N, C-alpha and C. Protein backbone atom coordinates (compact mmCIF):
# COMPACT_ATOMS: atom_id res chain seq x y z
N UNK A 1 0.85 -1.18 0.00
CA UNK A 1 0.00 0.00 0.00
C UNK A 1 0.89 1.24 0.00
N UNK A 2 0.49 2.23 -0.75
CA UNK A 2 1.19 3.50 -0.82
C UNK A 2 1.27 4.13 0.58
N UNK A 3 2.43 4.67 0.93
CA UNK A 3 2.65 5.21 2.28
C UNK A 3 1.69 6.36 2.58
N UNK A 4 1.49 7.25 1.63
CA UNK A 4 0.58 8.39 1.88
C UNK A 4 -0.87 7.93 2.01
N UNK A 5 -1.24 6.94 1.23
CA UNK A 5 -2.60 6.40 1.35
C UNK A 5 -2.78 5.73 2.71
N UNK A 6 -1.74 5.01 3.14
CA UNK A 6 -1.77 4.35 4.45
C UNK A 6 -1.88 5.38 5.57
N UNK A 7 -1.10 6.45 5.44
CA UNK A 7 -1.12 7.53 6.43
C UNK A 7 -2.51 8.17 6.50
N UNK A 8 -3.09 8.45 5.35
CA UNK A 8 -4.41 9.07 5.29
C UNK A 8 -5.47 8.15 5.89
N UNK A 9 -5.39 6.87 5.59
CA UNK A 9 -6.37 5.91 6.11
C UNK A 9 -6.26 5.81 7.63
N UNK A 10 -5.04 5.83 8.15
CA UNK A 10 -4.85 5.76 9.60
C UNK A 10 -5.41 7.02 10.28
N UNK A 11 -5.18 8.18 9.66
CA UNK A 11 -5.72 9.42 10.21
C UNK A 11 -7.25 9.40 10.22
N UNK A 12 -7.85 8.89 9.15
CA UNK A 12 -9.31 8.80 9.08
C UNK A 12 -9.85 7.86 10.15
N UNK A 13 -9.17 6.74 10.35
CA UNK A 13 -9.61 5.76 11.34
C UNK A 13 -9.57 6.35 12.74
N UNK A 14 -8.46 6.99 13.07
CA UNK A 14 -8.32 7.60 14.41
C UNK A 14 -9.38 8.68 14.60
N UNK A 15 -9.61 9.48 13.58
CA UNK A 15 -10.62 10.55 13.68
C UNK A 15 -12.01 9.97 13.93
N UNK A 16 -12.35 8.88 13.26
CA UNK A 16 -13.66 8.25 13.45
C UNK A 16 -13.80 7.69 14.86
N UNK A 17 -12.73 7.08 15.37
CA UNK A 17 -12.78 6.51 16.72
C UNK A 17 -12.95 7.62 17.76
N UNK A 18 -12.22 8.71 17.59
CA UNK A 18 -12.36 9.85 18.51
C UNK A 18 -13.78 10.41 18.44
N UNK A 19 -14.33 10.46 17.24
CA UNK A 19 -15.70 10.95 17.06
C UNK A 19 -16.72 10.08 17.81
N UNK A 20 -16.56 8.77 17.72
CA UNK A 20 -17.45 7.84 18.43
C UNK A 20 -17.35 8.07 19.94
N UNK A 21 -16.13 8.17 20.43
CA UNK A 21 -15.90 8.38 21.86
C UNK A 21 -16.52 9.70 22.32
N UNK A 22 -16.27 10.76 21.58
CA UNK A 22 -16.77 12.09 21.96
C UNK A 22 -18.30 12.11 21.96
N UNK A 23 -18.89 11.51 20.96
CA UNK A 23 -20.35 11.47 20.87
C UNK A 23 -20.95 10.75 22.08
N UNK A 24 -20.36 9.62 22.46
CA UNK A 24 -20.91 8.83 23.56
C UNK A 24 -20.57 9.38 24.94
N UNK A 25 -19.42 10.02 25.09
CA UNK A 25 -19.00 10.49 26.41
C UNK A 25 -19.27 11.98 26.66
N UNK A 26 -19.26 12.76 25.60
CA UNK A 26 -19.41 14.21 25.78
C UNK A 26 -20.70 14.74 25.18
N UNK A 27 -21.52 13.85 24.64
CA UNK A 27 -22.85 14.22 24.16
C UNK A 27 -22.89 15.07 22.91
N UNK A 28 -21.80 15.12 22.15
CA UNK A 28 -21.79 15.91 20.92
C UNK A 28 -22.50 15.13 19.82
N UNK A 29 -23.54 15.72 19.24
CA UNK A 29 -24.28 15.06 18.15
C UNK A 29 -23.48 15.13 16.84
N UNK A 30 -22.87 16.27 16.59
CA UNK A 30 -22.05 16.40 15.39
C UNK A 30 -20.78 17.14 15.76
N UNK A 31 -19.71 16.79 15.13
CA UNK A 31 -18.44 17.41 15.44
C UNK A 31 -17.86 16.89 16.74
N UNK A 32 -16.84 17.58 17.22
CA UNK A 32 -16.15 17.17 18.44
C UNK A 32 -16.15 18.29 19.46
N UNK A 33 -16.08 17.92 20.73
CA UNK A 33 -15.91 18.93 21.77
C UNK A 33 -14.49 19.49 21.65
N UNK A 34 -14.20 20.62 22.27
CA UNK A 34 -12.87 21.22 22.15
C UNK A 34 -11.73 20.29 22.57
N UNK A 35 -11.92 19.53 23.65
CA UNK A 35 -10.86 18.63 24.12
C UNK A 35 -10.58 17.52 23.10
N UNK A 36 -11.64 16.93 22.57
CA UNK A 36 -11.47 15.86 21.58
C UNK A 36 -10.95 16.41 20.26
N UNK A 37 -11.37 17.62 19.91
CA UNK A 37 -10.87 18.28 18.69
C UNK A 37 -9.36 18.48 18.79
N UNK A 38 -8.92 18.92 19.96
CA UNK A 38 -7.48 19.13 20.19
C UNK A 38 -6.72 17.80 20.09
N UNK A 39 -7.26 16.75 20.68
CA UNK A 39 -6.62 15.44 20.62
C UNK A 39 -6.59 14.92 19.18
N UNK A 40 -7.65 15.14 18.43
CA UNK A 40 -7.70 14.70 17.03
C UNK A 40 -6.62 15.41 16.21
N UNK A 41 -6.43 16.71 16.43
CA UNK A 41 -5.38 17.44 15.72
C UNK A 41 -4.00 16.94 16.14
N UNK A 42 -3.83 16.67 17.42
CA UNK A 42 -2.56 16.14 17.92
C UNK A 42 -2.26 14.78 17.27
N UNK A 43 -3.25 13.90 17.24
CA UNK A 43 -3.07 12.57 16.64
C UNK A 43 -2.76 12.69 15.15
N UNK A 44 -3.44 13.59 14.48
CA UNK A 44 -3.20 13.80 13.05
C UNK A 44 -1.76 14.26 12.81
N UNK A 45 -1.28 15.16 13.65
CA UNK A 45 0.10 15.65 13.52
C UNK A 45 1.11 14.53 13.80
N UNK A 46 0.83 13.70 14.79
CA UNK A 46 1.72 12.58 15.12
C UNK A 46 1.78 11.59 13.96
N UNK A 47 0.64 11.28 13.39
CA UNK A 47 0.59 10.34 12.27
C UNK A 47 1.30 10.94 11.05
N UNK A 48 1.10 12.23 10.82
CA UNK A 48 1.74 12.90 9.68
C UNK A 48 3.26 12.90 9.81
N UNK A 49 3.76 12.94 11.03
CA UNK A 49 5.20 12.99 11.27
C UNK A 49 5.81 11.62 11.56
N UNK A 50 5.04 10.56 11.42
CA UNK A 50 5.52 9.22 11.78
C UNK A 50 6.71 8.81 10.92
N UNK A 51 7.86 8.49 11.55
CA UNK A 51 9.03 8.09 10.78
C UNK A 51 9.00 6.62 10.34
N UNK A 52 8.09 5.83 10.88
CA UNK A 52 8.05 4.40 10.58
C UNK A 52 6.79 3.97 9.82
N UNK A 53 6.14 4.92 9.18
CA UNK A 53 4.88 4.61 8.49
C UNK A 53 5.06 3.53 7.43
N UNK A 54 6.22 3.49 6.78
CA UNK A 54 6.45 2.50 5.73
C UNK A 54 6.48 1.07 6.25
N UNK A 55 6.99 0.89 7.47
CA UNK A 55 7.23 -0.47 7.95
C UNK A 55 6.32 -0.92 9.08
N UNK A 56 5.63 0.00 9.74
CA UNK A 56 4.79 -0.41 10.87
C UNK A 56 3.36 -0.68 10.41
N UNK A 57 2.65 -1.44 11.21
CA UNK A 57 1.24 -1.65 10.89
C UNK A 57 0.41 -0.55 11.54
N UNK A 58 0.44 -0.47 12.87
CA UNK A 58 -0.35 0.54 13.57
C UNK A 58 0.44 1.06 14.76
N UNK A 59 0.04 2.20 15.28
CA UNK A 59 0.74 2.83 16.40
C UNK A 59 0.85 1.91 17.61
N UNK A 60 -0.15 1.09 17.82
CA UNK A 60 -0.17 0.24 19.01
C UNK A 60 0.96 -0.78 19.02
N UNK A 61 1.51 -1.12 17.86
CA UNK A 61 2.59 -2.12 17.81
C UNK A 61 3.93 -1.49 17.47
N UNK A 62 3.99 -0.19 17.38
CA UNK A 62 5.22 0.50 17.00
C UNK A 62 6.17 0.61 18.20
N UNK A 63 7.47 0.37 18.00
CA UNK A 63 8.42 0.48 19.12
C UNK A 63 8.72 1.93 19.52
N UNK A 64 8.43 2.87 18.64
CA UNK A 64 8.66 4.29 18.92
C UNK A 64 7.37 4.88 19.47
N UNK A 65 7.47 5.63 20.56
CA UNK A 65 6.28 6.27 21.13
C UNK A 65 6.30 7.75 20.73
N UNK A 66 5.51 8.09 19.73
CA UNK A 66 5.43 9.47 19.24
C UNK A 66 4.59 10.36 20.14
N UNK A 67 3.65 9.75 20.84
CA UNK A 67 2.74 10.51 21.70
C UNK A 67 3.40 10.79 23.04
N UNK A 68 3.12 11.97 23.60
CA UNK A 68 3.55 12.28 24.96
C UNK A 68 2.82 11.31 25.90
N UNK A 69 3.43 10.95 27.04
CA UNK A 69 2.81 9.95 27.92
C UNK A 69 1.35 10.22 28.29
N UNK A 70 1.01 11.45 28.62
CA UNK A 70 -0.38 11.77 28.98
C UNK A 70 -1.31 11.59 27.79
N UNK A 71 -0.85 12.03 26.62
CA UNK A 71 -1.66 11.89 25.40
C UNK A 71 -1.79 10.42 25.00
N UNK A 72 -0.73 9.67 25.21
CA UNK A 72 -0.77 8.24 24.89
C UNK A 72 -1.83 7.54 25.72
N UNK A 73 -1.90 7.88 27.00
CA UNK A 73 -2.91 7.29 27.89
C UNK A 73 -4.31 7.68 27.43
N UNK A 74 -4.46 8.94 27.04
CA UNK A 74 -5.75 9.44 26.55
C UNK A 74 -6.20 8.68 25.30
N UNK A 75 -5.29 8.56 24.34
CA UNK A 75 -5.65 7.92 23.07
C UNK A 75 -5.89 6.42 23.27
N UNK A 76 -5.16 5.80 24.19
CA UNK A 76 -5.40 4.38 24.47
C UNK A 76 -6.80 4.16 25.05
N UNK A 77 -7.21 5.03 25.95
CA UNK A 77 -8.55 4.94 26.53
C UNK A 77 -9.61 5.09 25.44
N UNK A 78 -9.41 6.06 24.57
CA UNK A 78 -10.36 6.30 23.49
C UNK A 78 -10.38 5.13 22.51
N UNK A 79 -9.22 4.59 22.18
CA UNK A 79 -9.14 3.45 21.25
C UNK A 79 -9.81 2.21 21.84
N UNK A 80 -9.60 1.98 23.12
CA UNK A 80 -10.23 0.82 23.76
C UNK A 80 -11.75 0.92 23.74
N UNK A 81 -12.25 2.14 23.85
CA UNK A 81 -13.70 2.33 23.81
C UNK A 81 -14.22 2.33 22.37
N UNK A 82 -13.62 3.14 21.53
CA UNK A 82 -14.14 3.35 20.19
C UNK A 82 -13.80 2.26 19.19
N UNK A 83 -12.67 1.58 19.40
CA UNK A 83 -12.25 0.55 18.46
C UNK A 83 -13.30 -0.52 18.21
N UNK A 84 -13.78 -1.19 19.26
CA UNK A 84 -14.80 -2.22 19.06
C UNK A 84 -16.11 -1.66 18.47
N UNK A 85 -16.43 -0.42 18.78
CA UNK A 85 -17.67 0.17 18.28
C UNK A 85 -17.56 0.59 16.81
N UNK A 86 -16.35 0.62 16.30
CA UNK A 86 -16.16 0.93 14.88
C UNK A 86 -16.87 -0.09 14.00
N UNK A 87 -16.95 -1.32 14.47
CA UNK A 87 -17.60 -2.37 13.69
C UNK A 87 -19.07 -2.03 13.43
N UNK A 88 -19.72 -1.36 14.37
CA UNK A 88 -21.11 -0.95 14.19
C UNK A 88 -21.25 0.30 13.33
N UNK A 89 -20.35 1.27 13.53
CA UNK A 89 -20.46 2.55 12.86
C UNK A 89 -19.82 2.57 11.46
N UNK A 90 -18.70 1.88 11.33
CA UNK A 90 -17.95 1.87 10.07
C UNK A 90 -17.42 0.46 9.81
N UNK A 91 -18.31 -0.47 9.45
CA UNK A 91 -17.90 -1.88 9.33
C UNK A 91 -16.84 -2.14 8.27
N UNK A 92 -16.92 -1.48 7.11
CA UNK A 92 -15.93 -1.73 6.07
C UNK A 92 -14.54 -1.23 6.48
N UNK A 93 -14.51 -0.07 7.11
CA UNK A 93 -13.24 0.47 7.58
C UNK A 93 -12.63 -0.47 8.64
N UNK A 94 -13.47 -1.00 9.50
CA UNK A 94 -13.02 -1.92 10.55
C UNK A 94 -12.49 -3.21 9.95
N UNK A 95 -13.21 -3.77 9.00
CA UNK A 95 -12.76 -5.01 8.37
C UNK A 95 -11.44 -4.81 7.63
N UNK A 96 -11.28 -3.67 6.98
CA UNK A 96 -10.01 -3.38 6.32
C UNK A 96 -8.88 -3.29 7.33
N UNK A 97 -9.13 -2.63 8.45
CA UNK A 97 -8.14 -2.50 9.51
C UNK A 97 -7.76 -3.89 10.06
N UNK A 98 -8.76 -4.73 10.28
CA UNK A 98 -8.49 -6.07 10.80
C UNK A 98 -7.71 -6.90 9.79
N UNK A 99 -8.04 -6.76 8.51
CA UNK A 99 -7.34 -7.49 7.47
C UNK A 99 -5.86 -7.09 7.43
N UNK A 100 -5.59 -5.79 7.50
CA UNK A 100 -4.21 -5.32 7.52
C UNK A 100 -3.46 -5.83 8.75
N UNK A 101 -4.14 -5.84 9.87
CA UNK A 101 -3.54 -6.31 11.11
C UNK A 101 -3.15 -7.79 10.99
N UNK A 102 -4.05 -8.60 10.47
CA UNK A 102 -3.76 -10.03 10.30
C UNK A 102 -2.66 -10.24 9.28
N UNK A 103 -2.67 -9.45 8.21
CA UNK A 103 -1.65 -9.57 7.18
C UNK A 103 -0.27 -9.27 7.76
N UNK A 104 -0.17 -8.23 8.57
CA UNK A 104 1.12 -7.87 9.18
C UNK A 104 1.59 -8.97 10.13
N UNK A 105 0.67 -9.55 10.89
CA UNK A 105 1.04 -10.63 11.80
C UNK A 105 1.56 -11.83 11.03
N UNK A 106 0.90 -12.18 9.94
CA UNK A 106 1.34 -13.31 9.12
C UNK A 106 2.71 -13.04 8.51
N UNK A 107 2.94 -11.82 8.05
CA UNK A 107 4.24 -11.47 7.49
C UNK A 107 5.34 -11.56 8.55
N UNK A 108 5.06 -11.07 9.76
CA UNK A 108 6.06 -11.16 10.84
C UNK A 108 6.32 -12.61 11.19
N UNK A 109 5.26 -13.41 11.28
CA UNK A 109 5.41 -14.83 11.60
C UNK A 109 6.25 -15.52 10.53
N UNK A 110 5.97 -15.27 9.26
CA UNK A 110 6.72 -15.88 8.17
C UNK A 110 8.18 -15.44 8.20
N UNK A 111 8.42 -14.15 8.50
CA UNK A 111 9.78 -13.64 8.56
C UNK A 111 10.57 -14.33 9.68
N UNK A 112 9.98 -14.39 10.88
CA UNK A 112 10.68 -15.00 12.01
C UNK A 112 10.86 -16.50 11.81
N UNK A 113 9.87 -17.13 11.23
CA UNK A 113 9.97 -18.56 10.96
C UNK A 113 11.09 -18.83 9.96
N UNK A 114 11.16 -18.00 8.92
CA UNK A 114 12.20 -18.15 7.91
C UNK A 114 13.58 -17.88 8.51
N UNK A 115 13.70 -16.84 9.34
CA UNK A 115 15.00 -16.51 9.92
C UNK A 115 15.46 -17.59 10.89
N UNK A 116 14.53 -18.22 11.63
CA UNK A 116 14.91 -19.31 12.53
C UNK A 116 15.38 -20.52 11.74
N UNK A 117 14.73 -20.81 10.62
CA UNK A 117 15.15 -21.93 9.79
C UNK A 117 16.51 -21.65 9.18
N UNK A 118 16.78 -20.41 8.81
CA UNK A 118 18.09 -20.04 8.26
C UNK A 118 19.16 -20.20 9.32
N UNK A 119 18.86 -19.83 10.56
CA UNK A 119 19.81 -19.98 11.66
C UNK A 119 20.15 -21.45 11.88
N UNK A 120 19.17 -22.31 11.79
CA UNK A 120 19.39 -23.74 11.98
C UNK A 120 20.29 -24.31 10.90
N UNK A 121 20.07 -23.89 9.65
CA UNK A 121 20.89 -24.42 8.56
C UNK A 121 22.33 -23.95 8.68
N UNK A 122 22.56 -22.77 9.22
CA UNK A 122 23.91 -22.28 9.41
C UNK A 122 24.61 -23.07 10.51
N UNK A 123 23.90 -23.40 11.59
CA UNK A 123 24.49 -24.14 12.71
C UNK A 123 24.85 -25.56 12.31
N UNK A 124 24.09 -26.17 11.41
CA UNK A 124 24.33 -27.55 11.01
C UNK A 124 25.61 -27.66 10.21
N UNK A 125 25.94 -26.68 9.42
CA UNK A 125 27.12 -26.73 8.54
C UNK A 125 28.39 -26.69 9.29
């Protein structure tokens, strides 16, 4: 997948999750409350500046923490709430996200499995 398309899709996903959280917790029918709006802009900036967008699947599995600790806690709370509810509000987006997640896991598994087999063949010689 093109890096910019991947970046845009991740920004859209995070924005939708924040919107679900804000609607349910802060009673906003449309748009976001000021606090959630600020967090959405912060998340968008973090995703836009991500140095590992080419190789990582999602922020949750990235070894680099781009978010400040307080913001990271905030976004984790929102993701835990809004993530599962995405299936009801945006099912296609959720299925695409799940498919990418599974694909990345399979690629990592295949890579590690291949590297372990290569290590064994080197030791035998």
